[in-house]
Amino acid sequence: IGSWHALAQISAGAKLAHTKAAVAAVFPSWAPLN
């Protein structure tokens, strides 16, 4: 999860999002990381 957060810092529009039960890597410009 920490690596996803670090990668989000170098990918346009990316973020790490949290729901009540999950953590999601959201990468609009890097499809394999979603």
PDB file of all heavy atoms in Angstrom:
ATOM      1  N   ILE A   1       0.838  -1.197   0.000  1.00  0.00           N
ATOM      2  CA  ILE A   1       0.000   0.000   0.000  1.00  0.00           C
ATOM      3  C   ILE A   1       0.881   1.259   0.000  1.00  0.00           C
ATOM      4  O   ILE A   1       0.593   2.237  -0.689  1.00  0.00           O
ATOM      5  CB  ILE A   1      -0.958  -0.018   1.205  1.00  0.00           C
ATOM      6  CG1 ILE A   1      -1.979  -1.157   1.041  1.00  0.00           C
ATOM      7  CG2 ILE A   1      -1.680   1.317   1.353  1.00  0.00           C
ATOM      8  CD1 ILE A   1      -2.826  -1.418   2.270  1.00  0.00           C
ATOM      9  N   GLY A   2       1.982   1.213   0.761  1.00  0.00           N
ATOM     10  CA  GLY A   2       2.907   2.338   0.759  1.00  0.00           C
ATOM     11  C   GLY A   2       3.517   2.579  -0.613  1.00  0.00           C
ATOM     12  O   GLY A   2       3.713   3.730  -1.030  1.00  0.00           O
ATOM     13  N   SER A   3       3.802   1.506  -1.335  1.00  0.00           N
ATOM     14  CA  SER A   3       4.373   1.659  -2.683  1.00  0.00           C
ATOM     15  C   SER A   3       3.363   2.293  -3.627  1.00  0.00           C
ATOM     16  O   SER A   3       3.733   3.094  -4.492  1.00  0.00           O
ATOM     17  CB  SER A   3       4.838   0.296  -3.219  1.00  0.00           C
ATOM     18  OG  SER A   3       3.751  -0.513  -3.624  1.00  0.00           O
ATOM     19  N   TRP A   4       2.072   1.942  -3.471  1.00  0.00           N
ATOM     20  CA  TRP A   4       1.047   2.569  -4.296  1.00  0.00           C
ATOM     21  C   TRP A   4       0.990   4.070  -4.023  1.00  0.00           C
ATOM     22  O   TRP A   4       0.857   4.871  -4.947  1.00  0.00           O
ATOM     23  CB  TRP A   4      -0.315   1.941  -4.013  1.00  0.00           C
ATOM     24  CG  TRP A   4      -0.485   0.556  -4.547  1.00  0.00           C
ATOM     25  CD1 TRP A   4       0.360  -0.113  -5.391  1.00  0.00           C
ATOM     26  CD2 TRP A   4      -1.566  -0.344  -4.275  1.00  0.00           C
ATOM     27  NE1 TRP A   4      -0.135  -1.364  -5.654  1.00  0.00           N
ATOM     28  CE2 TRP A   4      -1.307  -1.542  -4.990  1.00  0.00           C
ATOM     29  CE3 TRP A   4      -2.708  -0.262  -3.499  1.00  0.00           C
ATOM     30  CZ2 TRP A   4      -2.166  -2.631  -4.949  1.00  0.00           C
ATOM     31  CZ3 TRP A   4      -3.572  -1.347  -3.453  1.00  0.00           C
ATOM     32  CH2 TRP A   4      -3.308  -2.524  -4.175  1.00  0.00           C
ATOM     33  N   HIS A   5       1.084   4.434  -2.765  1.00  0.00           N
ATOM     34  CA  HIS A   5       1.054   5.854  -2.404  1.00  0.00           C
ATOM     35  C   HIS A   5       2.245   6.584  -3.030  1.00  0.00           C
ATOM     36  O   HIS A   5       2.106   7.690  -3.560  1.00  0.00           O
ATOM     37  CB  HIS A   5       1.069   6.013  -0.886  1.00  0.00           C
ATOM     38  CG  HIS A   5       0.963   7.434  -0.432  1.00  0.00           C
ATOM     39  ND1 HIS A   5       2.066   8.217  -0.187  1.00  0.00           N
ATOM     40  CD2 HIS A   5      -0.124   8.220  -0.195  1.00  0.00           C
ATOM     41  CE1 HIS A   5       1.672   9.426   0.178  1.00  0.00           C
ATOM     42  NE2 HIS A   5       0.358   9.457   0.182  1.00  0.00           N
ATOM     43  N   ALA A   6       3.423   5.957  -2.982  1.00  0.00           N
ATOM     44  CA  ALA A   6       4.618   6.576  -3.565  1.00  0.00           C
ATOM     45  C   ALA A   6       4.478   6.713  -5.077  1.00  0.00           C
ATOM     46  O   ALA A   6       4.859   7.739  -5.662  1.00  0.00           O
ATOM     47  CB  ALA A   6       5.858   5.759  -3.209  1.00  0.00           C
ATOM     48  N   LEU A   7       3.927   5.699  -5.728  1.00  0.00           N
ATOM     49  CA  LEU A   7       3.748   5.759  -7.177  1.00  0.00           C
ATOM     50  C   LEU A   7       2.728   6.821  -7.572  1.00  0.00           C
ATOM     51  O   LEU A   7       2.834   7.438  -8.640  1.00  0.00           O
ATOM     52  CB  LEU A   7       3.306   4.396  -7.714  1.00  0.00           C
ATOM     53  CG  LEU A   7       4.380   3.305  -7.761  1.00  0.00           C
ATOM     54  CD1 LEU A   7       3.747   1.946  -8.013  1.00  0.00           C
ATOM     55  CD2 LEU A   7       5.420   3.610  -8.841  1.00  0.00           C
ATOM     56  N   ALA A   8       1.740   7.037  -6.696  1.00  0.00           N
ATOM     57  CA  ALA A   8       0.726   8.049  -6.999  1.00  0.00           C
ATOM     58  C   ALA A   8       1.325   9.446  -7.071  1.00  0.00           C
ATOM     59  O   ALA A   8       0.772  10.332  -7.738  1.00  0.00           O
ATOM     60  CB  ALA A   8      -0.385   8.013  -5.952  1.00  0.00           C
ATOM     61  N   GLN A   9       2.468   9.644  -6.396  1.00  0.00           N
ATOM     62  CA  GLN A   9       3.091  10.960  -6.407  1.00  0.00           C
ATOM     63  C   GLN A   9       3.717  11.294  -7.763  1.00  0.00           C
ATOM     64  O   GLN A   9       4.012  12.453  -8.048  1.00  0.00           O
ATOM     65  CB  GLN A   9       4.174  11.038  -5.319  1.00  0.00           C
ATOM     66  CG  GLN A   9       3.716  10.610  -3.936  1.00  0.00           C
ATOM     67  CD  GLN A   9       2.449  11.311  -3.478  1.00  0.00           C
ATOM     68  OE1 GLN A   9       2.397  12.521  -3.441  1.00  0.00           O
ATOM     69  NE2 GLN A   9       1.434  10.531  -3.122  1.00  0.00           N
ATOM     70  N   ILE A  10       3.945  10.287  -8.609  1.00  0.00           N
ATOM     71  CA  ILE A  10       4.609  10.532  -9.892  1.00  0.00           C
ATOM     72  C   ILE A  10       3.699  10.220 -11.079  1.00  0.00           C
ATOM     73  O   ILE A  10       4.168  10.168 -12.213  1.00  0.00           O
ATOM     74  CB  ILE A  10       5.918   9.718 -10.013  1.00  0.00           C
ATOM     75  CG1 ILE A  10       5.639   8.211  -9.926  1.00  0.00           C
ATOM     76  CG2 ILE A  10       6.916  10.127  -8.949  1.00  0.00           C
ATOM     77  CD1 ILE A  10       6.855   7.349 -10.269  1.00  0.00           C
ATOM     78  N   SER A  11       2.411  10.009 -10.835  1.00  0.00           N
ATOM     79  CA  SER A  11       1.471   9.704 -11.912  1.00  0.00           C
ATOM     80  C   SER A  11       0.347  10.729 -11.906  1.00  0.00           C
ATOM     81  O   SER A  11      -0.287  10.974 -10.873  1.00  0.00           O
ATOM     82  CB  SER A  11       0.900   8.295 -11.738  1.00  0.00           C
ATOM     83  OG  SER A  11       0.005   7.976 -12.794  1.00  0.00           O
ATOM     84  N   ALA A  12       0.089  11.341 -13.042  1.00  0.00           N
ATOM     85  CA  ALA A  12      -0.899  12.414 -13.141  1.00  0.00           C
ATOM     86  C   ALA A  12      -2.281  11.954 -12.704  1.00  0.00           C
ATOM     87  O   ALA A  12      -2.788  10.930 -13.178  1.00  0.00           O
ATOM     88  CB  ALA A  12      -0.948  12.930 -14.580  1.00  0.00           C
ATOM     89  N   GLY A  13      -2.882  12.674 -11.788  1.00  0.00           N
ATOM     90  CA  GLY A  13      -4.244  12.410 -11.349  1.00  0.00           C
ATOM     91  C   GLY A  13      -4.406  11.217 -10.440  1.00  0.00           C
ATOM     92  O   GLY A  13      -5.531  10.867 -10.069  1.00  0.00           O
ATOM     93  N   ALA A  14      -3.307  10.557 -10.066  1.00  0.00           N
ATOM     94  CA  ALA A  14      -3.393   9.337  -9.254  1.00  0.00           C
ATOM     95  C   ALA A  14      -3.578   9.675  -7.779  1.00  0.00           C
ATOM     96  O   ALA A  14      -3.183  10.750  -7.312  1.00  0.00           O
ATOM     97  CB  ALA A  14      -2.153   8.484  -9.454  1.00  0.00           C
ATOM     98  N   LYS A  15      -4.145   8.729  -7.052  1.00  0.00           N
ATOM     99  CA  LYS A  15      -4.334   8.909  -5.616  1.00  0.00           C
ATOM    100  C   LYS A  15      -4.569   7.559  -4.959  1.00  0.00           C
ATOM    101  O   LYS A  15      -4.865   6.555  -5.628  1.00  0.00           O
ATOM    102  CB  LYS A  15      -5.516   9.826  -5.334  1.00  0.00           C
ATOM    103  CG  LYS A  15      -6.866   9.248  -5.777  1.00  0.00           C
ATOM    104  CD  LYS A  15      -8.010  10.179  -5.441  1.00  0.00           C
ATOM    105  CE  LYS A  15      -9.361   9.590  -5.888  1.00  0.00           C
ATOM    106  NZ  LYS A  15     -10.498  10.483  -5.536  1.00  0.00           N
ATOM    107  N   LEU A  16      -4.421   7.550  -3.643  1.00  0.00           N
ATOM    108  CA  LEU A  16      -4.787   6.387  -2.843  1.00  0.00           C
ATOM    109  C   LEU A  16      -6.081   6.749  -2.129  1.00  0.00           C
ATOM    110  O   LEU A  16      -6.154   7.758  -1.420  1.00  0.00           O
ATOM    111  CB  LEU A  16      -3.678   6.077  -1.829  1.00  0.00           C
ATOM    112  CG  LEU A  16      -3.561   4.632  -1.346  1.00  0.00           C
ATOM    113  CD1 LEU A  16      -3.234   3.713  -2.507  1.00  0.00           C
ATOM    114  CD2 LEU A  16      -2.490   4.512  -0.275  1.00  0.00           C
ATOM    115  N   ALA A  17      -7.123   5.958  -2.340  1.00  0.00           N
ATOM    116  CA  ALA A  17      -8.435   6.255  -1.769  1.00  0.00           C
ATOM    117  C   ALA A  17      -8.841   5.166  -0.792  1.00  0.00           C
ATOM    118  O   ALA A  17      -8.486   3.996  -0.955  1.00  0.00           O
ATOM    119  CB  ALA A  17      -9.470   6.381  -2.881  1.00  0.00           C
ATOM    120  N   HIS A  18      -9.612   5.562   0.230  1.00  0.00           N
ATOM    121  CA  HIS A  18     -10.049   4.619   1.259  1.00  0.00           C
ATOM    122  C   HIS A  18     -11.577   4.609   1.326  1.00  0.00           C
ATOM    123  O   HIS A  18     -12.220   5.661   1.333  1.00  0.00           O
ATOM    124  CB  HIS A  18      -9.484   5.002   2.623  1.00  0.00           C
ATOM    125  CG  HIS A  18      -7.994   4.945   2.701  1.00  0.00           C
ATOM    126  ND1 HIS A  18      -7.308   3.855   3.210  1.00  0.00           N
ATOM    127  CD2 HIS A  18      -7.042   5.834   2.321  1.00  0.00           C
ATOM    128  CE1 HIS A  18      -6.007   4.084   3.148  1.00  0.00           C
ATOM    129  NE2 HIS A  18      -5.819   5.274   2.614  1.00  0.00           N
ATOM    130  N   THR A  19     -12.141   3.416   1.366  1.00  0.00           N
ATOM    131  CA  THR A  19     -13.550   3.247   1.689  1.00  0.00           C
ATOM    132  C   THR A  19     -13.622   2.639   3.085  1.00  0.00           C
ATOM    133  O   THR A  19     -12.600   2.466   3.746  1.00  0.00           O
ATOM    134  CB  THR A  19     -14.246   2.329   0.673  1.00  0.00           C
ATOM    135  OG1 THR A  19     -13.758   0.982   0.843  1.00  0.00           O
ATOM    136  CG2 THR A  19     -13.974   2.775  -0.759  1.00  0.00           C
ATOM    137  N   LYS A  20     -14.802   2.295   3.523  1.00  0.00           N
ATOM    138  CA  LYS A  20     -14.934   1.721   4.859  1.00  0.00           C
ATOM    139  C   LYS A  20     -14.209   0.386   4.986  1.00  0.00           C
ATOM    140  O   LYS A  20     -13.781   0.005   6.074  1.00  0.00           O
ATOM    141  CB  LYS A  20     -16.422   1.533   5.203  1.00  0.00           C
ATOM    142  CG  LYS A  20     -17.177   2.839   5.403  1.00  0.00           C
ATOM    143  CD  LYS A  20     -18.612   2.567   5.794  1.00  0.00           C
ATOM    144  CE  LYS A  20     -19.378   3.867   6.025  1.00  0.00           C
ATOM    145  NZ  LYS A  20     -20.811   3.612   6.399  1.00  0.00           N
ATOM    146  N   ALA A  21     -14.067  -0.346   3.882  1.00  0.00           N
ATOM    147  CA  ALA A  21     -13.523  -1.697   3.961  1.00  0.00           C
ATOM    148  C   ALA A  21     -12.339  -1.961   3.055  1.00  0.00           C
ATOM    149  O   ALA A  21     -11.798  -3.056   3.067  1.00  0.00           O
ATOM    150  CB  ALA A  21     -14.629  -2.715   3.646  1.00  0.00           C
ATOM    151  N   ALA A  22     -11.920  -0.967   2.284  1.00  0.00           N
ATOM    152  CA  ALA A  22     -10.878  -1.236   1.292  1.00  0.00           C
ATOM    153  C   ALA A  22      -9.974  -0.023   1.112  1.00  0.00           C
ATOM    154  O   ALA A  22     -10.313   1.096   1.501  1.00  0.00           O
ATOM    155  CB  ALA A  22     -11.514  -1.614  -0.054  1.00  0.00           C
ATOM    156  N   VAL A  23      -8.821  -0.279   0.521  1.00  0.00           N
ATOM    157  CA  VAL A  23      -7.929   0.788   0.089  1.00  0.00           C
ATOM    158  C   VAL A  23      -7.715   0.594  -1.408  1.00  0.00           C
ATOM    159  O   VAL A  23      -7.475  -0.527  -1.871  1.00  0.00           O
ATOM    160  CB  VAL A  23      -6.593   0.777   0.866  1.00  0.00           C
ATOM    161  CG1 VAL A  23      -5.876  -0.553   0.719  1.00  0.00           C
ATOM    162  CG2 VAL A  23      -5.688   1.910   0.412  1.00  0.00           C
ATOM    163  N   ALA A  24      -7.847   1.676  -2.163  1.00  0.00           N
ATOM    164  CA  ALA A  24      -7.840   1.582  -3.619  1.00  0.00           C
ATOM    165  C   ALA A  24      -6.760   2.473  -4.219  1.00  0.00           C
ATOM    166  O   ALA A  24      -6.627   3.646  -3.846  1.00  0.00           O
ATOM    167  CB  ALA A  24      -9.206   1.978  -4.187  1.00  0.00           C
ATOM    168  N   ALA A  25      -5.995   1.909  -5.134  1.00  0.00           N
ATOM    169  CA  ALA A  25      -5.044   2.677  -5.930  1.00  0.00           C
ATOM    170  C   ALA A  25      -5.777   3.140  -7.180  1.00  0.00           C
ATOM    171  O   ALA A  25      -6.268   2.313  -7.950  1.00  0.00           O
ATOM    172  CB  ALA A  25      -3.837   1.820  -6.290  1.00  0.00           C
ATOM    173  N   VAL A  26      -5.855   4.449  -7.377  1.00  0.00           N
ATOM    174  CA  VAL A  26      -6.594   5.023  -8.500  1.00  0.00           C
ATOM    175  C   VAL A  26      -5.593   5.715  -9.416  1.00  0.00           C
ATOM    176  O   VAL A  26      -5.009   6.749  -9.057  1.00  0.00           O
ATOM    177  CB  VAL A  26      -7.660   6.023  -8.008  1.00  0.00           C
ATOM    178  CG1 VAL A  26      -8.467   6.558  -9.183  1.00  0.00           C
ATOM    179  CG2 VAL A  26      -8.581   5.357  -6.989  1.00  0.00           C
ATOM    180  N   PHE A  27      -5.398   5.148 -10.596  1.00  0.00           N
ATOM    181  CA  PHE A  27      -4.395   5.648 -11.543  1.00  0.00           C
ATOM    182  C   PHE A  27      -5.043   5.849 -12.910  1.00  0.00           C
ATOM    183  O   PHE A  27      -5.012   4.955 -13.759  1.00  0.00           O
ATOM    184  CB  PHE A  27      -3.224   4.665 -11.654  1.00  0.00           C
ATOM    185  CG  PHE A  27      -2.272   4.692 -10.492  1.00  0.00           C
ATOM    186  CD1 PHE A  27      -2.585   4.063  -9.297  1.00  0.00           C
ATOM    187  CD2 PHE A  27      -1.050   5.361 -10.591  1.00  0.00           C
ATOM    188  CE1 PHE A  27      -1.712   4.097  -8.214  1.00  0.00           C
ATOM    189  CE2 PHE A  27      -0.168   5.395  -9.523  1.00  0.00           C
ATOM    190  CZ  PHE A  27      -0.494   4.769  -8.325  1.00  0.00           C
ATOM    191  N   PRO A  28      -5.627   7.017 -13.162  1.00  0.00           N
ATOM    192  CA  PRO A  28      -6.301   7.253 -14.443  1.00  0.00           C
ATOM    193  C   PRO A  28      -5.382   7.104 -15.659  1.00  0.00           C
ATOM    194  O   PRO A  28      -5.861   6.759 -16.746  1.00  0.00           O
ATOM    195  CB  PRO A  28      -6.800   8.699 -14.309  1.00  0.00           C
ATOM    196  CG  PRO A  28      -6.911   8.930 -12.834  1.00  0.00           C
ATOM    197  CD  PRO A  28      -5.788   8.152 -12.230  1.00  0.00           C
ATOM    198  N   SER A  29      -4.083   7.353 -15.500  1.00  0.00           N
ATOM    199  CA  SER A  29      -3.185   7.281 -16.647  1.00  0.00           C
ATOM    200  C   SER A  29      -2.228   6.099 -16.587  1.00  0.00           C
ATOM    201  O   SER A  29      -1.257   6.051 -17.339  1.00  0.00           O
ATOM    202  CB  SER A  29      -2.377   8.591 -16.753  1.00  0.00           C
ATOM    203  OG  SER A  29      -1.610   8.815 -15.583  1.00  0.00           O
ATOM    204  N   TRP A  30      -2.472   5.132 -15.695  1.00  0.00           N
ATOM    205  CA  TRP A  30      -1.586   3.969 -15.570  1.00  0.00           C
ATOM    206  C   TRP A  30      -2.455   2.758 -15.232  1.00  0.00           C
ATOM    207  O   TRP A  30      -2.534   2.323 -14.097  1.00  0.00           O
ATOM    208  CB  TRP A  30      -0.555   4.221 -14.477  1.00  0.00           C
ATOM    209  CG  TRP A  30       0.700   3.412 -14.604  1.00  0.00           C
ATOM    210  CD1 TRP A  30       0.890   2.294 -15.349  1.00  0.00           C
ATOM    211  CD2 TRP A  30       1.953   3.671 -13.945  1.00  0.00           C
ATOM    212  NE1 TRP A  30       2.164   1.827 -15.198  1.00  0.00           N
ATOM    213  CE2 TRP A  30       2.836   2.673 -14.353  1.00  0.00           C
ATOM    214  CE3 TRP A  30       2.385   4.647 -13.057  1.00  0.00           C
ATOM    215  CZ2 TRP A  30       4.154   2.610 -13.879  1.00  0.00           C
ATOM    216  CZ3 TRP A  30       3.684   4.600 -12.589  1.00  0.00           C
ATOM    217  CH2 TRP A  30       4.566   3.591 -13.010  1.00  0.00           C
ATOM    218  N   ALA A  31      -3.090   2.212 -16.242  1.00  0.00           N
ATOM    219  CA  ALA A  31      -4.154   1.218 -16.068  1.00  0.00           C
ATOM    220  C   ALA A  31      -3.790   0.016 -15.195  1.00  0.00           C
ATOM    221  O   ALA A  31      -4.596  -0.405 -14.356  1.00  0.00           O
ATOM    222  CB  ALA A  31      -4.643   0.739 -17.432  1.00  0.00           C
ATOM    223  N   PRO A  32      -2.611  -0.599 -15.330  1.00  0.00           N
ATOM    224  CA  PRO A  32      -2.342  -1.807 -14.539  1.00  0.00           C
ATOM    225  C   PRO A  32      -2.320  -1.592 -13.028  1.00  0.00           C
ATOM    226  O   PRO A  32      -2.382  -2.566 -12.272  1.00  0.00           O
ATOM    227  CB  PRO A  32      -0.949  -2.248 -15.034  1.00  0.00           C
ATOM    228  CG  PRO A  32      -0.815  -1.638 -16.386  1.00  0.00           C
ATOM    229  CD  PRO A  32      -1.524  -0.329 -16.298  1.00  0.00           C
ATOM    230  N   LEU A  33      -2.234  -0.341 -12.595  1.00  0.00           N
ATOM    231  CA  LEU A  33      -2.139  -0.079 -11.155  1.00  0.00           C
ATOM    232  C   LEU A  33      -3.484   0.177 -10.496  1.00  0.00           C
ATOM    233  O   LEU A  33      -3.550   0.472  -9.301  1.00  0.00           O
ATOM    234  CB  LEU A  33      -1.206   1.110 -10.905  1.00  0.00           C
ATOM    235  CG  LEU A  33       0.261   0.875 -11.236  1.00  0.00           C
ATOM    236  CD1 LEU A  33       1.085   2.120 -10.947  1.00  0.00           C
ATOM    237  CD2 LEU A  33       0.825  -0.315 -10.468  1.00  0.00           C
ATOM    238  N   ASN A  34      -4.567   0.053 -11.233  1.00  0.00           N
ATOM    239  CA  ASN A  34      -5.888   0.280 -10.649  1.00  0.00           C
ATOM    240  C   ASN A  34      -6.357  -0.980  -9.922  1.00  0.00           C
ATOM    241  O   ASN A  34      -7.083  -1.824 -10.459  1.00  0.00           O
ATOM    242  CB  ASN A  34      -6.879   0.687 -11.741  1.00  0.00           C
ATOM    243  CG  ASN A  34      -6.624   2.090 -12.228  1.00  0.00           C
ATOM    244  OD1 ASN A  34      -6.710   3.045 -11.458  1.00  0.00           O
ATOM    245  ND2 ASN A  34      -6.283   2.231 -13.496  1.00  0.00           N
TER     246      ASN A  34
END
